[in-house]
């Protein structure tokens, strides 16, 4: 049973320029939509209070091509500083506007095999007020996104400013981290070859 008492905001990070792809990967085709559109659809089936989409590079193009209705759209002006800055942009927005939010679930636009059932597993593992971080375990043993942070970490998250995301926060608070093992390959899509292989295997 889902935790119905917690107010959880989903923050989708989609600010990168996809320099290695040569084209905005947020707009690459997936199913009957785009990678970003698919990520948004995935969030519809989970217990969340709001969806925040952090854009940056190709801001106007992505806004024009993806249906972002019922989302709060932010522009990370400093997207070139990396993932950490996008997390900070999203969490700072939540801090300023939503004092009733209990946790944020941070996810990427380029992990299309992550589904609603997996995100719900993370939410079920979260206990409000226990200072928890619920992280995804990758095949190589590393921990990363999707990752859910209790509001106890909002201030730290709002100060991130580099390309390492929230790895330092995960290490610092390792005793409070719960790990959920992904049954999928959650590797990010960083090249056209990787995208084409994943697309062919799933369509």
Foldseek 3Di string as FASTA:
>chain_A
DFDQVAAEEEEEEQADPLVQAVHRQQAPDDDPGGLQQLVVVQVVPANHNAYEYEYEPCVVVCPVRHPQPRHHYHYQPVCVQAQLSSQLRVLVVCVVPPPRHFKYFYAYSFQNVDGNVNVRVQRRPDDGPLQAKEWEAAPVRDTDPRIMGTPVCSVVSNPGGHHPHCRVVCVVPVVRYHYDYDPDHRDGDSYPVSVVVVRVVPD
